[in-house]
Amino acid sequence: MSERTRWIDLDGAANARDLGGLPTAAGRPTRWGRLLRSDNLQDLSVADVRVLVDDYALKNVIDLRTHTEIHLEGPGPLTRVPSVTIHQLSLFAEGGRHTDAVAGTPAHSAAATVLPWQSRSGDGEPAPEHDRSISHYHGYLDDRPDSIVAALRVMTRTDGSALVHCAAGKDRTGVVCAFALEVAGVTREAVIADYTLSGERLERTLGRLRASDTYAADLDSRPADSHRPRAATMSTFLCHIDERFGGPLGWLASHGWTDEDTEALRARLLG
């Protein structure tokens, strides 16, 4: 099937898709309806919930947003579905009322609300977009390896599908999904292509986020195209992981991931 058939058309989410049908080095494609990814799920309609729960057998939602984002946005529709479990696994170091990740503010400042597109530079100067994104992605690994390992372990559960999301569904979600696909043996080319696919829905995704007070001001501080996921960004990031850790599996193993975890994830995504 073409990549475009992987889109899940929902009224209340712009960047939702199925990670089935992706090629692997072993020749078996990833299975449909096992792992989904999306942007913010706050605005799902009743019909959307029915599609996810009935058509995709959704059982587990991996929410990568910060506690601040979740507090400001309030409970989404899926929190009211008894058969769905929400796993809150922020990729930022957090404490107190707000996120503690360094983002051009004093380290561990309780007053700083940090969003994924804000600069991690300590001197207040904006970083080039390519470097900024890669810095964020390494920051996720440095700040919250526990969340990344936990997210992949949720994907190994045998009850229905798992859905990974953040705000835009491209950066935090992109890194976690890239690691999962690498573990499953998806080709590097296909991992990168899936990452950049979010660019096809970028305008709709940003439009949704601008309607939220949580994200509007920060989005408007940067040109829309600066949010576009680029192949070179994910390629460079994964090359860094290859060089430092021998690949995502090496990084995961250094944080408690086991061979049994790998077998379980491959069994779920490949069958």
C-alpha atoms as a PDB file:
ATOM      1  CA  MET A   1       0.000   0.000   0.000  1.00  0.00           C
ATOM      2  CA  SER A   2       1.107   3.601  -0.482  1.00  0.00           C
ATOM      3  CA  GLU A   3       2.110   5.696   2.495  1.00  0.00           C
ATOM      4  CA  ARG A   4      -0.921   7.901   2.082  1.00  0.00           C
ATOM      5  CA  THR A   5      -3.229   5.021   2.979  1.00  0.00           C
ATOM      6  CA  ARG A   6      -1.682   5.051   6.457  1.00  0.00           C
ATOM      7  CA  TRP A   7      -3.444   8.296   7.372  1.00  0.00           C
ATOM      8  CA  ILE A   8      -6.309   7.995   9.865  1.00  0.00           C
ATOM      9  CA  ASP A   9      -8.785  10.732   9.025  1.00  0.00           C
ATOM     10  CA  LEU A  10     -10.248  12.162  12.231  1.00  0.00           C
ATOM     11  CA  ASP A  11     -12.313  15.289  12.852  1.00  0.00           C
ATOM     12  CA  GLY A  12     -10.299  16.283  15.917  1.00  0.00           C
ATOM     13  CA  ALA A  13      -6.709  15.346  14.984  1.00  0.00           C
ATOM     14  CA  ALA A  14      -4.687  16.283  11.921  1.00  0.00           C
ATOM     15  CA  ASN A  15      -1.582  14.091  12.082  1.00  0.00           C
ATOM     16  CA  ALA A  16      -2.891  10.609  12.939  1.00  0.00           C
ATOM     17  CA  ARG A  17      -1.598   7.549  11.108  1.00  0.00           C
ATOM     18  CA  ASP A  18      -1.023   3.805  11.326  1.00  0.00           C
ATOM     19  CA  LEU A  19       2.569   2.536  11.396  1.00  0.00           C
ATOM     20  CA  GLY A  20       1.622  -0.630   9.557  1.00  0.00           C
ATOM     21  CA  GLY A  21       2.951  -1.598   6.138  1.00  0.00           C
ATOM     22  CA  LEU A  22       6.527  -0.369   6.658  1.00  0.00           C
ATOM     23  CA  PRO A  23       9.336  -2.441   5.127  1.00  0.00           C
ATOM     24  CA  THR A  24      11.884  -4.233   7.310  1.00  0.00           C
ATOM     25  CA  ALA A  25      15.330  -5.637   6.626  1.00  0.00           C
ATOM     26  CA  ALA A  26      13.920  -9.120   7.242  1.00  0.00           C
ATOM     27  CA  GLY A  27      11.368  -8.655   4.476  1.00  0.00           C
ATOM     28  CA  ARG A  28       8.244  -8.678   6.655  1.00  0.00           C
ATOM     29  CA  PRO A  29       6.311  -5.384   6.794  1.00  0.00           C
ATOM     30  CA  THR A  30       5.051  -4.013  10.070  1.00  0.00           C
ATOM     31  CA  ARG A  31       1.533  -5.093  10.964  1.00  0.00           C
ATOM     32  CA  TRP A  32      -1.438  -2.801  10.591  1.00  0.00           C
ATOM     33  CA  GLY A  33      -3.426  -1.674  13.619  1.00  0.00           C
ATOM     34  CA  ARG A  34      -0.709  -2.342  16.207  1.00  0.00           C
ATOM     35  CA  LEU A  35       1.053   1.018  16.588  1.00  0.00           C
ATOM     36  CA  LEU A  36      -0.517   4.385  15.816  1.00  0.00           C
ATOM     37  CA  ARG A  37       0.821   7.937  16.148  1.00  0.00           C
ATOM     38  CA  SER A  38      -0.935  11.305  16.327  1.00  0.00           C
ATOM     39  CA  ASP A  39      -0.925  14.926  17.347  1.00  0.00           C
ATOM     40  CA  ASN A  40      -2.935  16.243  20.311  1.00  0.00           C
ATOM     41  CA  LEU A  41      -6.073  14.212  21.045  1.00  0.00           C
ATOM     42  CA  GLN A  42      -7.937  16.898  23.014  1.00  0.00           C
ATOM     43  CA  ASP A  43     -10.490  17.630  20.283  1.00  0.00           C
ATOM     44  CA  LEU A  44     -11.536  14.126  19.264  1.00  0.00           C
ATOM     45  CA  SER A  45     -15.204  13.884  18.368  1.00  0.00           C
ATOM     46  CA  VAL A  46     -17.501  11.084  19.487  1.00  0.00           C
ATOM     47  CA  ALA A  47     -17.102   9.589  16.003  1.00  0.00           C
ATOM     48  CA  ASP A  48     -13.293   9.828  16.278  1.00  0.00           C
ATOM     49  CA  VAL A  49     -13.295   7.938  19.569  1.00  0.00           C
ATOM     50  CA  ARG A  50     -15.475   5.265  18.005  1.00  0.00           C
ATOM     51  CA  VAL A  51     -13.054   4.883  15.064  1.00  0.00           C
ATOM     52  CA  LEU A  52     -10.055   4.470  17.354  1.00  0.00           C
ATOM     53  CA  VAL A  53     -11.724   2.161  19.871  1.00  0.00           C
ATOM     54  CA  ASP A  54     -13.811   0.074  17.475  1.00  0.00           C
ATOM     55  CA  ASP A  55     -11.846   0.060  14.210  1.00  0.00           C
ATOM     56  CA  TYR A  56      -8.333   0.093  15.691  1.00  0.00           C
ATOM     57  CA  ALA A  57      -9.021  -1.677  19.015  1.00  0.00           C
ATOM     58  CA  LEU A  58      -7.228   1.135  20.855  1.00  0.00           C
ATOM     59  CA  LYS A  59      -6.249   0.084  24.379  1.00  0.00           C
ATOM     60  CA  ASN A  60      -3.175   2.116  25.346  1.00  0.00           C
ATOM     61  CA  VAL A  61      -2.365   5.794  24.785  1.00  0.00           C
ATOM     62  CA  ILE A  62       1.229   6.948  25.299  1.00  0.00           C
ATOM     63  CA  ASP A  63       0.987  10.667  26.092  1.00  0.00           C
ATOM     64  CA  LEU A  64       4.421  12.321  25.778  1.00  0.00           C
ATOM     65  CA  ARG A  65       3.267  15.822  26.757  1.00  0.00           C
ATOM     66  CA  THR A  66       4.555  17.529  29.884  1.00  0.00           C
ATOM     67  CA  HIS A  67       2.458  17.666  33.026  1.00  0.00           C
ATOM     68  CA  THR A  68       2.113  21.408  32.380  1.00  0.00           C
ATOM     69  CA  GLU A  69       0.610  20.821  28.941  1.00  0.00           C
ATOM     70  CA  ILE A  70      -1.759  18.195  30.286  1.00  0.00           C
ATOM     71  CA  HIS A  71      -2.843  20.492  33.127  1.00  0.00           C
ATOM     72  CA  LEU A  72      -3.417  23.469  30.829  1.00  0.00           C
ATOM     73  CA  GLU A  73      -5.240  21.460  28.175  1.00  0.00           C
ATOM     74  CA  GLY A  74      -7.425  19.504  30.587  1.00  0.00           C
ATOM     75  CA  PRO A  75      -8.672  15.922  30.226  1.00  0.00           C
ATOM     76  CA  GLY A  76      -9.274  14.725  26.686  1.00  0.00           C
ATOM     77  CA  PRO A  77     -12.141  12.519  25.464  1.00  0.00           C
ATOM     78  CA  LEU A  78     -10.156   9.265  25.701  1.00  0.00           C
ATOM     79  CA  THR A  79      -9.658   9.747  29.441  1.00  0.00           C
ATOM     80  CA  ARG A  80     -13.375   8.983  29.786  1.00  0.00           C
ATOM     81  CA  VAL A  81     -13.184   5.643  27.941  1.00  0.00           C
ATOM     82  CA  PRO A  82     -12.851   2.842  30.525  1.00  0.00           C
ATOM     83  CA  SER A  83     -11.236   0.392  28.098  1.00  0.00           C
ATOM     84  CA  VAL A  84      -8.374   2.799  27.262  1.00  0.00           C
ATOM     85  CA  THR A  85      -5.375   3.280  29.566  1.00  0.00           C
ATOM     86  CA  ILE A  86      -3.490   6.584  29.412  1.00  0.00           C
ATOM     87  CA  HIS A  87       0.262   6.396  30.090  1.00  0.00           C
ATOM     88  CA  GLN A  88       1.686   9.860  30.856  1.00  0.00           C
ATOM     89  CA  LEU A  89       5.371   9.704  29.923  1.00  0.00           C
ATOM     90  CA  SER A  90       6.814  13.193  29.526  1.00  0.00           C
ATOM     91  CA  LEU A  91      10.118  13.507  27.670  1.00  0.00           C
ATOM     92  CA  PHE A  92      11.185  16.536  29.696  1.00  0.00           C
ATOM     93  CA  ALA A  93      12.663  16.562  33.193  1.00  0.00           C
ATOM     94  CA  GLU A  94       9.910  18.026  35.357  1.00  0.00           C
ATOM     95  CA  GLY A  95       9.417  19.299  38.882  1.00  0.00           C
ATOM     96  CA  GLY A  96       7.113  21.581  40.809  1.00  0.00           C
ATOM     97  CA  ARG A  97       4.388  23.179  38.702  1.00  0.00           C
ATOM     98  CA  HIS A  98       6.301  23.454  35.474  1.00  0.00           C
ATOM     99  CA  THR A  99       8.910  21.764  33.322  1.00  0.00           C
ATOM    100  CA  ASP A 100      12.521  22.013  34.466  1.00  0.00           C
ATOM    101  CA  ALA A 101      14.246  21.449  31.136  1.00  0.00           C
ATOM    102  CA  VAL A 102      16.816  24.106  30.240  1.00  0.00           C
ATOM    103  CA  ALA A 103      15.441  26.319  27.485  1.00  0.00           C
ATOM    104  CA  GLY A 104      17.180  29.637  27.474  1.00  0.00           C
ATOM    105  CA  THR A 105      16.081  30.204  31.072  1.00  0.00           C
ATOM    106  CA  PRO A 106      17.914  29.573  34.333  1.00  0.00           C
ATOM    107  CA  ALA A 107      18.341  25.847  34.933  1.00  0.00           C
ATOM    108  CA  HIS A 108      15.516  24.275  36.925  1.00  0.00           C
ATOM    109  CA  SER A 109      13.505  27.501  36.989  1.00  0.00           C
ATOM    110  CA  ALA A 110      10.036  26.754  38.382  1.00  0.00           C
ATOM    111  CA  ALA A 111       8.648  29.649  36.353  1.00  0.00           C
ATOM    112  CA  ALA A 112       9.636  28.280  32.962  1.00  0.00           C
ATOM    113  CA  THR A 113       7.036  26.463  30.907  1.00  0.00           C
ATOM    114  CA  VAL A 114       8.980  24.599  28.246  1.00  0.00           C
ATOM    115  CA  LEU A 115       7.503  23.452  24.968  1.00  0.00           C
ATOM    116  CA  PRO A 116       9.276  21.230  22.424  1.00  0.00           C
ATOM    117  CA  TRP A 117       9.991  23.998  19.927  1.00  0.00           C
ATOM    118  CA  GLN A 118      11.560  26.405  22.416  1.00  0.00           C
ATOM    119  CA  SER A 119      15.327  26.813  22.276  1.00  0.00           C
ATOM    120  CA  ARG A 120      17.527  24.703  24.540  1.00  0.00           C
ATOM    121  CA  SER A 121      20.359  27.175  24.048  1.00  0.00           C
ATOM    122  CA  GLY A 122      21.705  28.564  27.296  1.00  0.00           C
ATOM    123  CA  ASP A 123      22.708  31.951  25.857  1.00  0.00           C
ATOM    124  CA  GLY A 124      19.263  33.016  24.716  1.00  0.00           C
ATOM    125  CA  GLU A 125      20.266  33.042  21.056  1.00  0.00           C
ATOM    126  CA  PRO A 126      18.073  31.065  18.650  1.00  0.00           C
ATOM    127  CA  ALA A 127      19.786  27.950  17.317  1.00  0.00           C
ATOM    128  CA  PRO A 128      19.608  26.990  13.624  1.00  0.00           C
ATOM    129  CA  GLU A 129      16.482  24.882  13.096  1.00  0.00           C
ATOM    130  CA  HIS A 130      18.352  21.703  12.146  1.00  0.00           C
ATOM    131  CA  ASP A 131      20.653  21.961  15.174  1.00  0.00           C
ATOM    132  CA  ARG A 132      17.798  23.013  17.449  1.00  0.00           C
ATOM    133  CA  SER A 133      15.767  19.904  16.651  1.00  0.00           C
ATOM    134  CA  ILE A 134      18.697  17.532  17.049  1.00  0.00           C
ATOM    135  CA  SER A 135      19.518  19.177  20.396  1.00  0.00           C
ATOM    136  CA  HIS A 136      15.925  18.623  21.522  1.00  0.00           C
ATOM    137  CA  TYR A 137      16.031  14.983  20.491  1.00  0.00           C
ATOM    138  CA  HIS A 138      19.244  14.302  22.396  1.00  0.00           C
ATOM    139  CA  GLY A 139      17.656  16.159  25.296  1.00  0.00           C
ATOM    140  CA  TYR A 140      14.757  13.707  25.373  1.00  0.00           C
ATOM    141  CA  LEU A 141      17.241  10.846  25.697  1.00  0.00           C
ATOM    142  CA  ASP A 142      19.287  12.631  28.359  1.00  0.00           C
ATOM    143  CA  ASP A 143      16.355  13.930  30.414  1.00  0.00           C
ATOM    144  CA  ARG A 144      13.891  11.020  30.304  1.00  0.00           C
ATOM    145  CA  PRO A 145      15.353   7.677  29.247  1.00  0.00           C
ATOM    146  CA  ASP A 146      12.866   6.108  31.658  1.00  0.00           C
ATOM    147  CA  SER A 147       9.928   7.476  29.667  1.00  0.00           C
ATOM    148  CA  ILE A 148      11.309   6.248  26.345  1.00  0.00           C
ATOM    149  CA  VAL A 149      11.909   2.722  27.637  1.00  0.00           C
ATOM    150  CA  ALA A 150       8.487   2.694  29.328  1.00  0.00           C
ATOM    151  CA  ALA A 151       6.789   3.898  26.121  1.00  0.00           C
ATOM    152  CA  LEU A 152       8.291   1.070  24.073  1.00  0.00           C
ATOM    153  CA  ARG A 153       7.295  -1.453  26.735  1.00  0.00           C
ATOM    154  CA  VAL A 154       3.690  -0.251  26.538  1.00  0.00           C
ATOM    155  CA  MET A 155       3.837  -1.062  22.825  1.00  0.00           C
ATOM    156  CA  THR A 156       4.625  -4.699  23.656  1.00  0.00           C
ATOM    157  CA  ARG A 157       1.269  -5.189  25.400  1.00  0.00           C
ATOM    158  CA  THR A 158      -0.889  -7.713  23.640  1.00  0.00           C
ATOM    159  CA  ASP A 159      -4.258  -6.022  24.210  1.00  0.00           C
ATOM    160  CA  GLY A 160      -5.225  -4.070  21.116  1.00  0.00           C
ATOM    161  CA  SER A 161      -3.317  -1.169  19.598  1.00  0.00           C
ATOM    162  CA  ALA A 162      -1.125   1.502  21.207  1.00  0.00           C
ATOM    163  CA  LEU A 163      -1.167   5.154  20.131  1.00  0.00           C
ATOM    164  CA  VAL A 164       1.752   7.555  20.719  1.00  0.00           C
ATOM    165  CA  HIS A 165       1.116  11.299  20.715  1.00  0.00           C
ATOM    166  CA  CYS A 166       2.355  14.673  21.916  1.00  0.00           C
ATOM    167  CA  ALA A 167       1.191  18.126  20.784  1.00  0.00           C
ATOM    168  CA  ALA A 168       2.054  18.215  17.071  1.00  0.00           C
ATOM    169  CA  GLY A 169       2.880  14.510  16.812  1.00  0.00           C
ATOM    170  CA  LYS A 170       6.176  15.074  15.019  1.00  0.00           C
ATOM    171  CA  ASP A 171       9.139  15.652  17.376  1.00  0.00           C
ATOM    172  CA  ARG A 172       8.636  13.797  20.661  1.00  0.00           C
ATOM    173  CA  THR A 173       6.362  11.310  18.929  1.00  0.00           C
ATOM    174  CA  GLY A 174       8.827  11.124  16.039  1.00  0.00           C
ATOM    175  CA  VAL A 175      11.747  10.131  18.259  1.00  0.00           C
ATOM    176  CA  VAL A 176       9.825   7.482  20.220  1.00  0.00           C
ATOM    177  CA  CYS A 177       8.325   5.982  17.065  1.00  0.00           C
ATOM    178  CA  ALA A 178      11.697   6.017  15.302  1.00  0.00           C
ATOM    179  CA  PHE A 179      13.221   4.017  18.166  1.00  0.00           C
ATOM    180  CA  ALA A 180      10.335   1.535  18.111  1.00  0.00           C
ATOM    181  CA  LEU A 181      10.601   1.070  14.353  1.00  0.00           C
ATOM    182  CA  GLU A 182      14.382   0.641  14.551  1.00  0.00           C
ATOM    183  CA  VAL A 183      13.935  -2.094  17.180  1.00  0.00           C
ATOM    184  CA  ALA A 184      11.416  -3.799  14.891  1.00  0.00           C
ATOM    185  CA  GLY A 185      13.959  -3.785  12.074  1.00  0.00           C
ATOM    186  CA  VAL A 186      12.258  -1.243   9.828  1.00  0.00           C
ATOM    187  CA  THR A 187      14.692   0.053   7.231  1.00  0.00           C
ATOM    188  CA  ARG A 188      16.395   3.339   8.068  1.00  0.00           C
ATOM    189  CA  GLU A 189      15.015   4.882   4.888  1.00  0.00           C
ATOM    190  CA  ALA A 190      11.438   4.011   5.930  1.00  0.00           C
ATOM    191  CA  VAL A 191      11.983   5.292   9.486  1.00  0.00           C
ATOM    192  CA  ILE A 192      13.110   8.648   8.127  1.00  0.00           C
ATOM    193  CA  ALA A 193      10.294   8.740   5.552  1.00  0.00           C
ATOM    194  CA  ASP A 194       7.714   8.190   8.292  1.00  0.00           C
ATOM    195  CA  TYR A 195       9.239  11.034  10.320  1.00  0.00           C
ATOM    196  CA  THR A 196       8.998  13.481   7.416  1.00  0.00           C
ATOM    197  CA  LEU A 197       5.447  12.381   6.540  1.00  0.00           C
ATOM    198  CA  SER A 198       4.125  14.665   9.287  1.00  0.00           C
ATOM    199  CA  GLY A 199       5.102  17.560   7.014  1.00  0.00           C
ATOM    200  CA  GLU A 200       2.164  16.737   4.747  1.00  0.00           C
ATOM    201  CA  ARG A 201      -0.228  17.692   7.543  1.00  0.00           C
ATOM    202  CA  LEU A 202       1.866  20.510   9.050  1.00  0.00           C
ATOM    203  CA  GLU A 203      -0.457  23.404   8.208  1.00  0.00           C
ATOM    204  CA  ARG A 204      -3.494  21.621   9.628  1.00  0.00           C
ATOM    205  CA  THR A 205      -1.554  20.555  12.713  1.00  0.00           C
ATOM    206  CA  LEU A 206      -0.271  24.064  13.437  1.00  0.00           C
ATOM    207  CA  GLY A 207      -3.729  25.476  12.808  1.00  0.00           C
ATOM    208  CA  ARG A 208      -5.152  23.232  15.516  1.00  0.00           C
ATOM    209  CA  LEU A 209      -2.421  24.185  17.986  1.00  0.00           C
ATOM    210  CA  ARG A 210      -2.857  27.908  17.331  1.00  0.00           C
ATOM    211  CA  ALA A 211      -6.456  27.542  18.493  1.00  0.00           C
ATOM    212  CA  SER A 212      -5.128  26.559  21.938  1.00  0.00           C
ATOM    213  CA  ASP A 213      -3.878  29.153  24.429  1.00  0.00           C
ATOM    214  CA  THR A 214      -1.296  26.600  25.557  1.00  0.00           C
ATOM    215  CA  TYR A 215       0.593  26.699  22.255  1.00  0.00           C
ATOM    216  CA  ALA A 216      -0.465  29.756  20.234  1.00  0.00           C
ATOM    217  CA  ALA A 217       2.056  32.348  21.462  1.00  0.00           C
ATOM    218  CA  ASP A 218       5.068  30.086  21.060  1.00  0.00           C
ATOM    219  CA  LEU A 219       4.005  28.930  17.608  1.00  0.00           C
ATOM    220  CA  ASP A 220       3.554  32.497  16.422  1.00  0.00           C
ATOM    221  CA  SER A 221       7.085  33.375  17.548  1.00  0.00           C
ATOM    222  CA  ARG A 222       8.580  31.284  14.720  1.00  0.00           C
ATOM    223  CA  PRO A 223       7.873  30.926  10.980  1.00  0.00           C
ATOM    224  CA  ALA A 224       5.560  28.016  10.224  1.00  0.00           C
ATOM    225  CA  ASP A 225       8.088  26.320   7.948  1.00  0.00           C
ATOM    226  CA  SER A 226      10.624  26.144  10.787  1.00  0.00           C
ATOM    227  CA  HIS A 227       8.421  23.441  12.340  1.00  0.00           C
ATOM    228  CA  ARG A 228       8.621  21.209   9.264  1.00  0.00           C
ATOM    229  CA  PRO A 229      10.267  17.807   9.930  1.00  0.00           C
ATOM    230  CA  ARG A 230      13.225  17.303   7.588  1.00  0.00           C
ATOM    231  CA  ALA A 231      14.872  14.048   6.579  1.00  0.00           C
ATOM    232  CA  ALA A 232      18.353  15.383   7.360  1.00  0.00           C
ATOM    233  CA  THR A 233      17.360  16.048  10.963  1.00  0.00           C
ATOM    234  CA  MET A 234      16.282  12.488  11.764  1.00  0.00           C
ATOM    235  CA  SER A 235      19.090  11.023   9.658  1.00  0.00           C
ATOM    236  CA  THR A 236      21.736  13.024  11.538  1.00  0.00           C
ATOM    237  CA  PHE A 237      20.172  12.271  14.910  1.00  0.00           C
ATOM    238  CA  LEU A 238      20.100   8.518  14.269  1.00  0.00           C
ATOM    239  CA  CYS A 239      23.675   8.620  12.940  1.00  0.00           C
ATOM    240  CA  HIS A 240      24.718  10.213  16.224  1.00  0.00           C
ATOM    241  CA  ILE A 241      23.015   7.370  18.101  1.00  0.00           C
ATOM    242  CA  ASP A 242      24.768   4.851  15.844  1.00  0.00           C
ATOM    243  CA  GLU A 243      28.158   6.415  16.557  1.00  0.00           C
ATOM    244  CA  ARG A 244      27.709   6.787  20.313  1.00  0.00           C
ATOM    245  CA  PHE A 245      25.716   3.695  21.220  1.00  0.00           C
ATOM    246  CA  GLY A 246      25.756   1.346  18.226  1.00  0.00           C
ATOM    247  CA  GLY A 247      22.195   2.348  17.333  1.00  0.00           C
ATOM    248  CA  PRO A 248      18.889   2.764  19.199  1.00  0.00           C
ATOM    249  CA  LEU A 249      19.052  -0.817  20.493  1.00  0.00           C
ATOM    250  CA  GLY A 250      22.425  -0.083  22.067  1.00  0.00           C
ATOM    251  CA  TRP A 251      21.077   3.042  23.718  1.00  0.00           C
ATOM    252  CA  LEU A 252      18.020   1.188  24.995  1.00  0.00           C
ATOM    253  CA  ALA A 253      20.158  -1.662  26.356  1.00  0.00           C
ATOM    254  CA  SER A 254      22.186   0.870  28.344  1.00  0.00           C
ATOM    255  CA  HIS A 255      18.937   1.953  30.028  1.00  0.00           C
ATOM    256  CA  GLY A 256      17.523  -1.431  31.027  1.00  0.00           C
ATOM    257  CA  TRP A 257      15.977  -2.684  27.778  1.00  0.00           C
ATOM    258  CA  THR A 258      16.416  -6.439  27.430  1.00  0.00           C
ATOM    259  CA  ASP A 259      16.516  -9.027  24.659  1.00  0.00           C
ATOM    260  CA  GLU A 260      13.102 -10.194  25.907  1.00  0.00           C
ATOM    261  CA  ASP A 261      11.782  -6.654  25.409  1.00  0.00           C
ATOM    262  CA  THR A 262      13.100  -6.670  21.854  1.00  0.00           C
ATOM    263  CA  GLU A 263      11.480 -10.021  21.104  1.00  0.00           C
ATOM    264  CA  ALA A 264       8.169  -8.850  22.564  1.00  0.00           C
ATOM    265  CA  LEU A 265       8.126  -5.613  20.543  1.00  0.00           C
ATOM    266  CA  ARG A 266       9.028  -7.408  17.334  1.00  0.00           C
ATOM    267  CA  ALA A 267       6.340 -10.000  17.984  1.00  0.00           C
ATOM    268  CA  ARG A 268       3.751  -7.245  18.337  1.00  0.00           C
ATOM    269  CA  LEU A 269       4.807  -5.160  15.362  1.00  0.00           C
ATOM    270  CA  LEU A 270       5.807  -7.963  12.999  1.00  0.00           C
ATOM    271  CA  GLY A 271       3.783 -10.958  14.177  1.00  0.00           C
END
